[in-house]
């Protein structure tokens, strides 16, 4: 059985992570440019895979509210979105909620680029 929650308190260069199966929270927020992005994101990918294998088939609204991310983080965000595609294909209702700061066209466009790559529904929200 996998842990019901995965919580990581963000730092200056790593995002806040709040994945909670029971509360149906799947959220990344803050800034993402860790020294070793692969090392940081692997537990998130594992947790999502274990969630998929749990068979609960509950809706997944994956919230992304990042101020900034670097290229290495972008690759791993894409890996997360591919994992969410797998979750969707396993029968979960899955959506990305992409929030970005008002007038931050770069973050808006980044979300739109991800939307073009993956087969997931995106909802955009200016904050």
C-alpha atoms as a PDB file:
ATOM      1  CA  UNK A   1       0.000   0.000   0.000  1.00  0.00           C
ATOM      2  CA  UNK A   2       1.340   3.413  -0.872  1.00  0.00           C
ATOM      3  CA  UNK A   3       1.323   6.463   1.428  1.00  0.00           C
ATOM      4  CA  UNK A   4      -1.939   8.419   1.277  1.00  0.00           C
ATOM      5  CA  UNK A   5      -0.012  11.707   1.217  1.00  0.00           C
ATOM      6  CA  UNK A   6       3.140  13.118  -0.278  1.00  0.00           C
ATOM      7  CA  UNK A   7       4.016  16.531   1.102  1.00  0.00           C
ATOM      8  CA  UNK A   8       7.219  18.431   0.418  1.00  0.00           C
ATOM      9  CA  UNK A   9       7.700  21.926   1.760  1.00  0.00           C
ATOM     10  CA  UNK A  10       9.169  24.070  -0.992  1.00  0.00           C
ATOM     11  CA  UNK A  11      12.358  26.056  -0.800  1.00  0.00           C
ATOM     12  CA  UNK A  12      13.815  28.860  -2.899  1.00  0.00           C
ATOM     13  CA  UNK A  13      14.518  26.393  -5.682  1.00  0.00           C
ATOM     14  CA  UNK A  14      12.017  23.552  -5.150  1.00  0.00           C
ATOM     15  CA  UNK A  15       8.235  23.638  -5.363  1.00  0.00           C
ATOM     16  CA  UNK A  16       5.696  22.867  -2.678  1.00  0.00           C
ATOM     17  CA  UNK A  17       4.196  19.454  -3.279  1.00  0.00           C
ATOM     18  CA  UNK A  18       0.871  18.445  -1.812  1.00  0.00           C
ATOM     19  CA  UNK A  19      -0.530  15.133  -3.031  1.00  0.00           C
ATOM     20  CA  UNK A  20      -3.313  13.787  -0.830  1.00  0.00           C
ATOM     21  CA  UNK A  21      -5.341  10.834  -2.051  1.00  0.00           C
ATOM     22  CA  UNK A  22      -8.101  11.200   0.549  1.00  0.00           C
ATOM     23  CA  UNK A  23      -8.605  14.962   0.080  1.00  0.00           C
ATOM     24  CA  UNK A  24      -8.178  14.615  -3.708  1.00  0.00           C
ATOM     25  CA  UNK A  25      -5.440  17.249  -3.751  1.00  0.00           C
ATOM     26  CA  UNK A  26      -2.688  17.086  -6.351  1.00  0.00           C
ATOM     27  CA  UNK A  27      -0.781  20.362  -6.307  1.00  0.00           C
ATOM     28  CA  UNK A  28       2.611  21.812  -7.300  1.00  0.00           C
ATOM     29  CA  UNK A  29       3.309  25.440  -6.469  1.00  0.00           C
ATOM     30  CA  UNK A  30       6.197  27.871  -6.120  1.00  0.00           C
ATOM     31  CA  UNK A  31       9.440  27.752  -8.085  1.00  0.00           C
ATOM     32  CA  UNK A  32      11.192  24.754  -9.581  1.00  0.00           C
ATOM     33  CA  UNK A  33      14.868  24.747 -10.379  1.00  0.00           C
ATOM     34  CA  UNK A  34      16.332  22.094  -8.060  1.00  0.00           C
ATOM     35  CA  UNK A  35      20.024  21.216  -8.283  1.00  0.00           C
ATOM     36  CA  UNK A  36      19.001  17.679  -9.306  1.00  0.00           C
ATOM     37  CA  UNK A  37      15.540  17.843 -10.866  1.00  0.00           C
ATOM     38  CA  UNK A  38      15.442  14.109 -11.565  1.00  0.00           C
ATOM     39  CA  UNK A  39      16.124  13.281  -7.918  1.00  0.00           C
ATOM     40  CA  UNK A  40      13.461  15.743  -6.756  1.00  0.00           C
ATOM     41  CA  UNK A  41      10.718  14.604  -9.163  1.00  0.00           C
ATOM     42  CA  UNK A  42      11.198  10.810  -9.033  1.00  0.00           C
ATOM     43  CA  UNK A  43       9.238  10.400  -5.747  1.00  0.00           C
ATOM     44  CA  UNK A  44       6.364  12.396  -7.292  1.00  0.00           C
ATOM     45  CA  UNK A  45       6.287  10.143 -10.355  1.00  0.00           C
ATOM     46  CA  UNK A  46       6.424   7.036  -8.157  1.00  0.00           C
ATOM     47  CA  UNK A  47       3.581   8.311  -5.962  1.00  0.00           C
ATOM     48  CA  UNK A  48       1.418   9.031  -9.024  1.00  0.00           C
ATOM     49  CA  UNK A  49       2.152   5.582 -10.417  1.00  0.00           C
ATOM     50  CA  UNK A  50       1.232   3.976  -7.081  1.00  0.00           C
ATOM     51  CA  UNK A  51      -1.936   6.092  -7.006  1.00  0.00           C
ATOM     52  CA  UNK A  52      -2.876   4.782 -10.448  1.00  0.00           C
ATOM     53  CA  UNK A  53      -2.255   1.214  -9.303  1.00  0.00           C
ATOM     54  CA  UNK A  54      -4.449   1.724  -6.214  1.00  0.00           C
ATOM     55  CA  UNK A  55      -7.475   1.407  -8.485  1.00  0.00           C
ATOM     56  CA  UNK A  56      -9.623   4.008  -6.736  1.00  0.00           C
ATOM     57  CA  UNK A  57     -10.668   5.702 -10.027  1.00  0.00           C
ATOM     58  CA  UNK A  58     -11.307   9.036  -8.327  1.00  0.00           C
ATOM     59  CA  UNK A  59     -11.147  12.329 -10.276  1.00  0.00           C
ATOM     60  CA  UNK A  60      -7.713  13.912 -10.517  1.00  0.00           C
ATOM     61  CA  UNK A  61      -7.545  17.693 -10.756  1.00  0.00           C
ATOM     62  CA  UNK A  62      -3.809  18.302 -10.902  1.00  0.00           C
ATOM     63  CA  UNK A  63      -3.048  21.904  -9.960  1.00  0.00           C
ATOM     64  CA  UNK A  64       0.097  23.619 -11.230  1.00  0.00           C
ATOM     65  CA  UNK A  65       0.778  27.078  -9.882  1.00  0.00           C
ATOM     66  CA  UNK A  66       4.439  27.736 -10.602  1.00  0.00           C
ATOM     67  CA  UNK A  67       6.066  31.145 -10.788  1.00  0.00           C
ATOM     68  CA  UNK A  68       9.106  29.775 -12.581  1.00  0.00           C
ATOM     69  CA  UNK A  69      10.650  26.489 -13.705  1.00  0.00           C
ATOM     70  CA  UNK A  70      13.868  25.686 -15.515  1.00  0.00           C
ATOM     71  CA  UNK A  71      14.444  23.406 -18.494  1.00  0.00           C
ATOM     72  CA  UNK A  72      15.242  20.338 -16.380  1.00  0.00           C
ATOM     73  CA  UNK A  73      12.027  20.856 -14.419  1.00  0.00           C
ATOM     74  CA  UNK A  74      10.065  21.294 -17.668  1.00  0.00           C
ATOM     75  CA  UNK A  75      11.178  17.848 -18.825  1.00  0.00           C
ATOM     76  CA  UNK A  76      10.061  16.305 -15.550  1.00  0.00           C
ATOM     77  CA  UNK A  77       6.780  18.225 -15.561  1.00  0.00           C
ATOM     78  CA  UNK A  78       6.195  16.668 -18.958  1.00  0.00           C
ATOM     79  CA  UNK A  79       6.968  13.251 -17.427  1.00  0.00           C
ATOM     80  CA  UNK A  80       4.324  13.985 -14.765  1.00  0.00           C
ATOM     81  CA  UNK A  81       1.822  14.919 -17.472  1.00  0.00           C
ATOM     82  CA  UNK A  82       2.609  11.685 -19.342  1.00  0.00           C
ATOM     83  CA  UNK A  83       2.001   9.802 -16.075  1.00  0.00           C
ATOM     84  CA  UNK A  84      -1.318  11.663 -15.759  1.00  0.00           C
ATOM     85  CA  UNK A  85      -2.166  10.506 -19.293  1.00  0.00           C
ATOM     86  CA  UNK A  86      -1.588   6.935 -18.073  1.00  0.00           C
ATOM     87  CA  UNK A  87      -3.864   7.645 -15.119  1.00  0.00           C
ATOM     88  CA  UNK A  88      -6.534   9.003 -17.462  1.00  0.00           C
ATOM     89  CA  UNK A  89      -6.233   5.923 -19.691  1.00  0.00           C
ATOM     90  CA  UNK A  90      -6.696   3.761 -16.575  1.00  0.00           C
ATOM     91  CA  UNK A  91     -10.176   5.268 -16.167  1.00  0.00           C
ATOM     92  CA  UNK A  92      -9.612   8.302 -13.946  1.00  0.00           C
ATOM     93  CA  UNK A  93     -11.246  11.617 -14.881  1.00  0.00           C
ATOM     94  CA  UNK A  94      -8.074  13.729 -15.164  1.00  0.00           C
ATOM     95  CA  UNK A  95      -7.599  17.465 -15.701  1.00  0.00           C
ATOM     96  CA  UNK A  96      -4.731  19.971 -15.350  1.00  0.00           C
ATOM     97  CA  UNK A  97      -5.536  23.248 -13.613  1.00  0.00           C
ATOM     98  CA  UNK A  98      -2.772  25.628 -14.767  1.00  0.00           C
ATOM     99  CA  UNK A  99      -2.570  28.883 -12.799  1.00  0.00           C
ATOM    100  CA  UNK A 100      -0.255  31.745 -13.669  1.00  0.00           C
ATOM    101  CA  UNK A 101       0.322  35.228 -12.354  1.00  0.00           C
ATOM    102  CA  UNK A 102      -1.484  38.088 -14.033  1.00  0.00           C
ATOM    103  CA  UNK A 103       0.464  39.337 -17.067  1.00  0.00           C
ATOM    104  CA  UNK A 104       2.908  36.388 -16.930  1.00  0.00           C
ATOM    105  CA  UNK A 105       2.624  35.473 -20.592  1.00  0.00           C
ATOM    106  CA  UNK A 106       5.619  33.116 -20.390  1.00  0.00           C
ATOM    107  CA  UNK A 107       3.909  30.864 -17.839  1.00  0.00           C
ATOM    108  CA  UNK A 108       0.630  31.010 -19.722  1.00  0.00           C
ATOM    109  CA  UNK A 109       2.395  30.006 -22.938  1.00  0.00           C
ATOM    110  CA  UNK A 110       4.310  27.233 -21.150  1.00  0.00           C
ATOM    111  CA  UNK A 111       0.996  25.728 -20.040  1.00  0.00           C
ATOM    112  CA  UNK A 112      -0.392  26.042 -23.555  1.00  0.00           C
ATOM    113  CA  UNK A 113       2.692  24.266 -24.946  1.00  0.00           C
ATOM    114  CA  UNK A 114       2.210  21.386 -22.499  1.00  0.00           C
ATOM    115  CA  UNK A 115      -1.457  21.245 -23.497  1.00  0.00           C
ATOM    116  CA  UNK A 116      -0.407  20.832 -27.156  1.00  0.00           C
ATOM    117  CA  UNK A 117       1.866  17.897 -26.275  1.00  0.00           C
ATOM    118  CA  UNK A 118      -0.308  15.762 -24.001  1.00  0.00           C
ATOM    119  CA  UNK A 119      -3.810  14.334 -24.321  1.00  0.00           C
ATOM    120  CA  UNK A 120      -5.208  15.983 -21.189  1.00  0.00           C
ATOM    121  CA  UNK A 121      -7.771  18.682 -20.556  1.00  0.00           C
ATOM    122  CA  UNK A 122      -6.234  21.932 -19.330  1.00  0.00           C
ATOM    123  CA  UNK A 123      -8.051  24.714 -17.537  1.00  0.00           C
ATOM    124  CA  UNK A 124      -6.175  28.027 -17.386  1.00  0.00           C
ATOM    125  CA  UNK A 125      -6.582  30.520 -14.568  1.00  0.00           C
ATOM    126  CA  UNK A 126      -4.960  33.933 -14.232  1.00  0.00           C
ATOM    127  CA  UNK A 127      -4.302  34.821 -10.577  1.00  0.00           C
END
